[in-house]
Protein backbone atom coordinates (compact mmCIF):
# COMPACT_ATOMS: atom_id res chain seq x y z
CA UNK A 1 142.31 70.51 88.07
CA UNK A 2 138.95 72.01 87.56
CA UNK A 3 137.61 71.90 83.87
CA UNK A 4 138.05 74.92 81.94
CA UNK A 5 135.78 75.77 78.87
CA UNK A 6 133.65 78.41 77.54
CA UNK A 7 131.28 78.47 80.49
CA UNK A 8 134.23 78.72 83.00
CA UNK A 9 135.70 81.59 81.00
CA UNK A 10 132.29 83.46 80.89
CA UNK A 11 131.86 83.27 84.75
CA UNK A 12 135.38 84.43 85.29
CA UNK A 13 134.60 87.58 83.00
CA UNK A 14 131.34 88.04 84.61
CA UNK A 15 132.93 88.24 88.10
CA UNK A 16 135.44 90.71 86.82
CA UNK A 17 132.62 92.90 85.31
CA UNK A 18 130.54 92.83 88.57
CA UNK A 19 133.54 94.21 90.53
CA UNK A 20 133.77 97.23 88.04
CA UNK A 21 130.98 99.32 90.03
CA UNK A 22 132.81 98.57 93.32
CA UNK A 23 136.04 99.73 92.06
CA UNK A 24 134.47 102.84 90.54
CA UNK A 25 132.78 103.78 93.58
CA UNK A 26 135.89 102.99 95.83
CA UNK A 27 137.95 105.33 93.55
CA UNK A 28 135.37 108.16 93.47
CA UNK A 29 135.20 108.02 97.27
CA UNK A 30 138.88 108.10 97.61
CA UNK A 31 139.04 111.13 95.30
CA UNK A 32 136.06 112.75 97.04
CA UNK A 33 138.03 112.33 100.42
CA UNK A 34 141.11 114.06 99.14
CA UNK A 35 139.21 116.89 97.39
CA UNK A 36 137.17 117.68 100.41
CA UNK A 37 139.26 117.02 103.33
CA UNK A 38 142.47 118.27 101.92
CA UNK A 39 141.90 120.73 99.00
CA UNK A 40 138.55 122.26 100.51
CA UNK A 41 138.89 121.99 104.30
CA UNK A 42 142.61 122.36 104.82
CA UNK A 43 143.84 124.37 101.93
CA UNK A 44 140.86 126.60 101.10
CA UNK A 45 138.94 127.30 104.27
CA UNK A 46 140.50 130.12 106.22
CA UNK A 47 138.24 129.98 109.34
CA UNK A 48 139.60 127.26 111.98
CA UNK A 49 136.16 126.84 113.46
CA UNK A 50 134.56 126.14 110.08
CA UNK A 51 137.34 123.70 109.18
CA UNK A 52 136.85 121.76 112.53
CA UNK A 53 133.04 121.57 112.20
CA UNK A 54 133.15 120.50 108.62
CA UNK A 55 135.82 117.80 109.06
CA UNK A 56 134.22 116.34 112.19
CA UNK A 57 130.79 116.18 110.41
CA UNK A 58 132.36 115.05 107.09
CA UNK A 59 134.20 112.23 108.81
CA UNK A 60 131.12 110.95 110.54
CA UNK A 61 129.18 110.60 107.29
CA UNK A 62 132.18 109.19 105.64
CA UNK A 63 132.65 106.48 108.13
CA UNK A 64 128.81 105.67 108.14
CA UNK A 65 128.93 105.56 104.17
CA UNK A 66 131.91 103.16 104.20
CA UNK A 67 130.53 100.98 106.98
CA UNK A 68 127.13 100.59 105.33
CA UNK A 69 128.56 100.14 101.88
CA UNK A 70 131.12 97.48 103.13
CA UNK A 71 128.13 95.44 104.77
CA UNK A 72 126.04 95.68 101.53
CA UNK A 73 128.66 94.20 99.51
CA UNK A 74 130.22 91.82 101.80
CA UNK A 75 127.17 90.40 103.45
CA UNK A 76 126.69 86.82 101.80
CA UNK A 77 122.97 86.31 100.50
CA UNK A 78 121.11 83.88 102.53
CA UNK A 79 119.99 80.43 101.29
CA UNK A 80 117.04 78.27 101.80
CA UNK A 81 117.32 75.95 104.63
CA UNK A 82 117.23 72.09 104.26
CA UNK A 83 113.46 71.62 104.82
CA UNK A 84 113.09 73.10 101.26
CA UNK A 85 115.17 70.62 99.62
CA UNK A 86 113.48 67.48 98.29
CA UNK A 87 114.21 64.08 99.58
CA UNK A 88 115.80 61.48 97.30
CA UNK A 89 112.63 59.55 96.88
CA UNK A 90 110.87 62.80 96.06
CA UNK A 91 113.46 63.52 93.38
CA UNK A 92 112.96 60.19 91.94
CA UNK A 93 109.23 60.66 91.98
CA UNK A 94 109.74 64.09 89.98
CA UNK A 95 112.02 62.42 87.43
CA UNK A 96 109.49 59.66 86.70
CA UNK A 97 106.50 61.81 86.45
CA UNK A 98 105.88 64.05 83.25
CA UNK A 99 105.18 67.77 83.59
CA UNK A 100 101.72 68.22 84.71
CA UNK A 101 99.22 67.57 87.41
CA UNK A 102 101.29 64.47 88.59
CA UNK A 103 104.21 66.44 88.67
CA UNK A 104 102.60 69.21 90.78
CA UNK A 105 100.94 66.56 93.06
CA UNK A 106 104.71 65.46 94.15
CA UNK A 107 105.34 69.01 94.87
CA UNK A 108 102.14 69.74 96.67
CA UNK A 109 102.83 66.72 98.99
CA UNK A 110 106.35 67.93 99.61
CA UNK A 111 105.34 71.53 100.29
CA UNK A 112 102.36 70.72 102.62
CA UNK A 113 104.34 71.11 105.82
CA UNK A 114 106.28 74.29 104.66
CA UNK A 115 105.45 77.97 105.06
CA UNK A 116 104.95 78.30 101.22
CA UNK A 117 101.88 80.21 100.10
CA UNK A 118 102.90 82.01 96.95
CA UNK A 119 102.44 80.46 93.48
CA UNK A 120 103.61 80.78 89.88
CA UNK A 121 101.45 82.86 87.48
CA UNK A 122 99.79 79.51 86.56
CA UNK A 123 99.03 78.56 90.15
CA UNK A 124 101.66 75.95 90.42
CA UNK A 125 104.07 75.43 93.28
CA UNK A 126 107.26 77.43 92.84
CA UNK A 127 110.00 75.06 92.21
CA UNK A 128 113.81 75.47 91.19
CA UNK A 129 114.78 72.66 88.64
CA UNK A 130 118.48 73.72 88.90
CA UNK A 131 118.54 73.54 92.56
CA UNK A 132 115.90 70.90 93.00
CA UNK A 133 114.34 72.49 95.77
CA UNK A 134 110.93 74.15 96.61
CA UNK A 135 111.25 77.95 96.51
CA UNK A 136 110.37 79.82 99.83
CA UNK A 137 108.15 82.83 99.42
CA UNK A 138 109.65 85.83 97.83
CA UNK A 139 112.72 83.72 96.93
CA UNK A 140 114.18 83.97 93.45
CA UNK A 141 116.97 81.98 91.66
CA UNK A 142 120.09 84.00 91.67
CA UNK A 143 121.56 84.22 87.96
CA UNK A 144 125.07 84.74 89.35
CA UNK A 145 126.40 82.66 92.32
CA UNK A 146 129.18 83.29 94.66
CA UNK A 147 129.10 86.98 94.15
CA UNK A 148 129.03 89.44 97.10
CA UNK A 149 128.69 92.68 95.35
CA UNK A 150 125.57 93.02 93.42
CA UNK A 151 123.04 90.88 95.12
CA UNK A 152 120.69 92.65 97.44
CA UNK A 153 118.26 90.58 99.39
CA UNK A 154 116.90 89.76 102.83
CA UNK A 155 120.22 89.52 104.57
CA UNK A 156 121.58 92.72 103.30
CA UNK A 157 118.69 94.87 102.38
CA UNK A 158 118.65 97.02 105.62
CA UNK A 159 122.40 97.70 104.78
CA UNK A 160 121.64 98.79 101.34
CA UNK A 161 118.94 101.18 102.34
CA UNK A 162 121.40 102.71 104.84
CA UNK A 163 124.05 102.92 102.15
CA UNK A 164 121.57 104.83 99.92
CA UNK A 165 120.84 107.10 102.98
CA UNK A 166 124.33 107.91 104.09
CA UNK A 167 125.57 108.26 100.48
CA UNK A 168 122.80 110.78 99.82
CA UNK A 169 123.55 112.66 102.96
CA UNK A 170 127.28 112.52 102.24
CA UNK A 171 126.76 114.22 98.83
CA UNK A 172 124.17 116.75 100.11
CA UNK A 173 126.56 117.87 102.79
CA UNK A 174 129.36 118.10 100.28
CA UNK A 175 127.34 120.19 97.86
CA UNK A 176 126.03 122.52 100.76
CA UNK A 177 129.33 123.23 102.39
CA UNK A 178 131.05 123.33 98.97
CA UNK A 179 128.64 125.91 97.43
CA UNK A 180 130.22 129.14 98.56
CA UNK A 181 133.60 128.10 97.42
CA UNK A 182 132.13 126.99 94.04
CA UNK A 183 130.61 130.43 93.74
CA UNK A 184 133.87 131.97 94.44
CA UNK A 185 135.38 129.88 91.78
CA UNK A 186 133.09 131.60 89.07
CA UNK A 187 133.80 135.06 90.58
CA UNK A 188 137.41 134.70 90.64
CA UNK A 189 137.52 134.68 94.50
CA UNK A 190 139.82 131.73 94.75
CA UNK A 191 143.56 131.70 94.46
CA UNK A 192 144.68 130.10 91.15
CA UNK A 193 145.78 126.73 92.58
CA UNK A 194 144.70 123.10 91.81
CA UNK A 195 142.28 123.24 94.64
CA UNK A 196 139.90 125.40 92.69
CA UNK A 197 139.37 122.66 90.08
CA UNK A 198 138.89 119.89 92.85
CA UNK A 199 136.27 122.30 94.41
CA UNK A 200 134.45 122.86 91.03
CA UNK A 201 134.39 119.03 90.09
CA UNK A 202 133.45 118.09 93.66
CA UNK A 203 130.42 120.22 93.53
CA UNK A 204 129.25 118.99 90.24
CA UNK A 205 129.82 115.34 91.19
CA UNK A 206 127.95 115.92 94.67
CA UNK A 207 125.06 117.63 93.14
CA UNK A 208 124.69 115.03 90.39
CA UNK A 209 124.74 112.15 92.49
CA UNK A 210 122.42 113.86 94.95
CA UNK A 211 119.78 113.96 92.34
CA UNK A 212 120.05 110.33 91.37
CA UNK A 213 120.52 108.97 94.85
CA UNK A 214 117.39 110.91 96.09
CA UNK A 215 115.13 109.28 93.31
CA UNK A 216 116.48 105.79 94.06
CA UNK A 217 116.36 106.13 97.79
CA UNK A 218 112.83 107.63 97.69
CA UNK A 219 111.82 104.50 95.48
CA UNK A 220 113.09 102.21 98.13
CA UNK A 221 111.52 103.93 100.91
CA UNK A 222 108.15 103.50 99.07
CA UNK A 223 108.94 99.78 98.67
CA UNK A 224 109.66 99.40 102.53
CA UNK A 225 106.56 101.34 103.42
CA UNK A 226 104.48 98.93 101.13
CA UNK A 227 106.47 95.77 101.96
CA UNK A 228 107.34 95.07 98.35
CA UNK A 229 110.51 93.69 96.87
CA UNK A 230 111.45 95.28 93.38
CA UNK A 231 110.07 92.35 91.68
CA UNK A 232 106.78 92.55 93.51
CA UNK A 233 106.52 96.33 92.65
CA UNK A 234 106.30 95.21 88.88
CA UNK A 235 104.73 91.88 89.29
CA UNK A 236 102.33 91.24 92.16
CA UNK A 237 102.78 87.92 94.18
CA UNK A 238 100.43 85.12 93.42
CA UNK A 239 98.77 83.28 96.18
CA UNK A 240 96.26 80.38 95.85
CA UNK A 241 93.26 82.69 95.46
CA UNK A 242 95.21 84.90 92.85
CA UNK A 243 97.27 87.96 92.73
CA UNK A 244 97.55 90.42 95.64
CA UNK A 245 99.71 93.56 95.37
CA UNK A 246 99.38 94.13 99.00
CA UNK A 247 99.53 90.55 100.32
CA UNK A 248 102.85 91.07 102.34
CA UNK A 249 101.91 94.50 103.59
CA UNK A 250 101.21 94.70 107.33
CA UNK A 251 100.84 98.51 107.64
CA UNK A 252 103.51 101.25 107.46
CA UNK A 253 104.76 100.68 111.09
CA UNK A 254 105.06 96.91 110.90
CA UNK A 255 106.56 96.97 107.30
CA UNK A 256 109.37 99.27 108.75
CA UNK A 257 109.98 97.01 111.75
CA UNK A 258 110.20 93.96 109.39
CA UNK A 259 113.16 95.52 107.69
CA UNK A 260 114.73 97.48 110.49
CA UNK A 261 113.73 95.51 113.56
CA UNK A 262 112.09 96.24 116.89
CA UNK A 263 115.02 98.05 118.58
CA UNK A 264 115.11 101.63 117.20
CA UNK A 265 118.63 102.11 118.57
CA UNK A 266 119.98 100.01 115.80
CA UNK A 267 117.86 101.58 112.95
CA UNK A 268 120.76 103.91 111.72
CA UNK A 269 123.36 101.43 112.25
CA UNK A 270 124.59 98.79 109.59
CA UNK A 271 123.96 95.94 112.19
CA UNK A 272 121.52 93.24 111.15
CA UNK A 273 118.28 93.64 112.90
CA UNK A 274 115.65 92.59 110.37
CA UNK A 275 112.81 90.45 111.67
CA UNK A 276 112.65 86.69 110.42
CA UNK A 277 114.74 84.21 108.86
CA UNK A 278 114.27 85.16 105.02
CA UNK A 279 112.35 81.81 104.49
CA UNK A 280 108.82 82.76 105.80
CA UNK A 281 107.04 86.06 105.87
CA UNK A 282 103.90 87.22 107.57
CA UNK A 283 101.06 88.23 105.26
CA UNK A 284 97.77 90.25 105.66
CA UNK A 285 95.96 87.21 104.46
CA UNK A 286 94.25 85.64 107.54
CA UNK A 287 92.35 82.53 106.38
CA UNK A 288 93.84 79.08 106.02
CA UNK A 289 94.99 77.31 102.82
CA UNK A 290 93.26 73.97 102.83
CA UNK A 291 96.36 72.43 101.50
CA UNK A 292 98.90 73.73 103.92
CA UNK A 293 99.20 72.38 107.41
CA UNK A 294 99.45 75.61 109.50
CA UNK A 295 98.26 74.17 112.90
CA UNK A 296 99.32 71.27 114.88
CA UNK A 297 97.74 67.88 114.18
CA UNK A 298 94.10 67.60 115.52
CA UNK A 299 93.43 71.37 115.51
CA UNK A 300 91.13 72.71 112.63
CA UNK A 301 90.98 76.53 112.73
CA UNK A 302 90.21 76.92 109.08
CA UNK A 303 88.20 80.21 108.37
CA UNK A 304 86.50 81.33 105.27
CA UNK A 305 85.64 84.91 103.89
CA UNK A 306 82.09 85.59 102.89
CA UNK A 307 82.58 84.84 99.47
CA UNK A 308 83.91 81.36 100.24
CA UNK A 309 87.31 81.99 98.87
CA UNK A 310 89.97 80.28 100.84
CA UNK A 311 92.98 82.24 101.70
CA UNK A 312 96.28 81.19 102.96
CA UNK A 313 97.45 81.60 106.64
CA UNK A 314 101.09 82.17 107.57
CA UNK A 315 102.80 79.97 110.23
CA UNK A 316 105.13 82.67 111.59
CA UNK A 317 108.57 82.26 112.90
CA UNK A 318 108.86 83.25 116.47
CA UNK A 319 110.93 86.45 115.48
CA UNK A 320 107.94 87.56 113.08
CA UNK A 321 104.76 86.39 114.84
CA UNK A 322 104.42 89.41 117.20
CA UNK A 323 104.17 91.74 114.17
CA UNK A 324 100.41 90.72 114.04
CA UNK A 325 99.44 89.99 117.48
CA UNK A 326 97.83 93.25 117.98
CA UNK A 327 95.66 93.55 114.97
CA UNK A 328 95.36 90.00 113.31
CA UNK A 329 94.42 86.83 114.39
CA UNK A 330 97.12 84.09 113.45
CA UNK A 331 97.63 80.47 114.10
CA UNK A 332 100.94 79.25 115.26
CA UNK A 333 102.24 76.39 113.39
CA UNK A 334 104.21 73.38 114.95
CA UNK A 335 107.78 73.66 113.78
CA UNK A 336 110.28 70.85 113.60
CA UNK A 337 113.23 71.82 115.88
CA UNK A 338 115.60 70.90 113.42
CA UNK A 339 114.12 73.07 110.87
CA UNK A 340 114.02 76.88 110.15
CA UNK A 341 117.68 77.48 109.91
CA UNK A 342 118.65 79.54 106.92
CA UNK A 343 121.95 79.68 105.21
CA UNK A 344 122.44 76.03 104.11
CA UNK A 345 124.33 74.57 101.37
CA UNK A 346 122.96 75.84 98.10
CA UNK A 347 124.41 79.16 96.94
CA UNK A 348 122.45 79.50 93.86
CA UNK A 349 119.00 80.24 95.27
CA UNK A 350 119.07 83.24 97.51
CA UNK A 351 116.61 85.30 99.46
CA UNK A 352 116.65 88.08 96.95
CA UNK A 353 114.72 91.36 96.36
CA UNK A 354 116.05 91.60 93.05
CA UNK A 355 117.27 95.18 93.09
């Protein structure tokens, strides 16, 4: 029997609390369906053509809303692959070494063949003591493990954006088609039935959520255009040469493709098409980090900028490298055939955008 204690009780309570927003949205969506499809379209609309057009358009938006929301909350977060985990010998070395330069030297040796180029604010290798692994770029420790409803990251960020887009369209459509009946409510042009109250509250709810969703959706569109996570918008990523707020930005078109993929036919569908594996990301930094092996043995293509600051290059995974082939010079790293597979054993460290 699993041990029970204060920590276990807190985790259970936390899981219950995390499902409250999901239950609330589901109940609100169910009521809006009844109020719009039944009370507004079927009961209140007298024109058959208007009924048909509104019901078809409504069900299309409703289906895309539910589909994208389902994918957002039930897509599991990705986990770092085995290559980021320390070996038993490396863990023993870390335990023996005190915090400081010797400790960092062990981590630097462990990370020298990994596509890791961001650092902590102090310039140290980003390491998770709890999971005992080196953090991939743009990866953060998830404070709540085994949840599927509140974590937005690499694996479901596209779904989250589509959820915001379709929920905004859903609310705008309801508000626009409900407006004339809302006006009739105030001018006593509707029969005195329960439908009039559903129509009134439906318009208020749709208008209110349209305002909040438009702000949130616009903010995330800006994040995508700049290739930033929510954390990076407030705290610029740190590389060896220092902070760079645009370090991961490749230009508007390539930033969009990194989230939505190359095939535009999938852009509006909640089907995973993002480029990459969630463990390595192309950057706009073109020169090589002297401590990172980004080329096969025997090749030395290190470049320096005019001020002699050395910048990290990015050994790209196959699905990402073509993003830069037409405008930047990149060196392909040799990768171990057994590496590069995301979704391994540790559920605590996830590819998160922390939204």
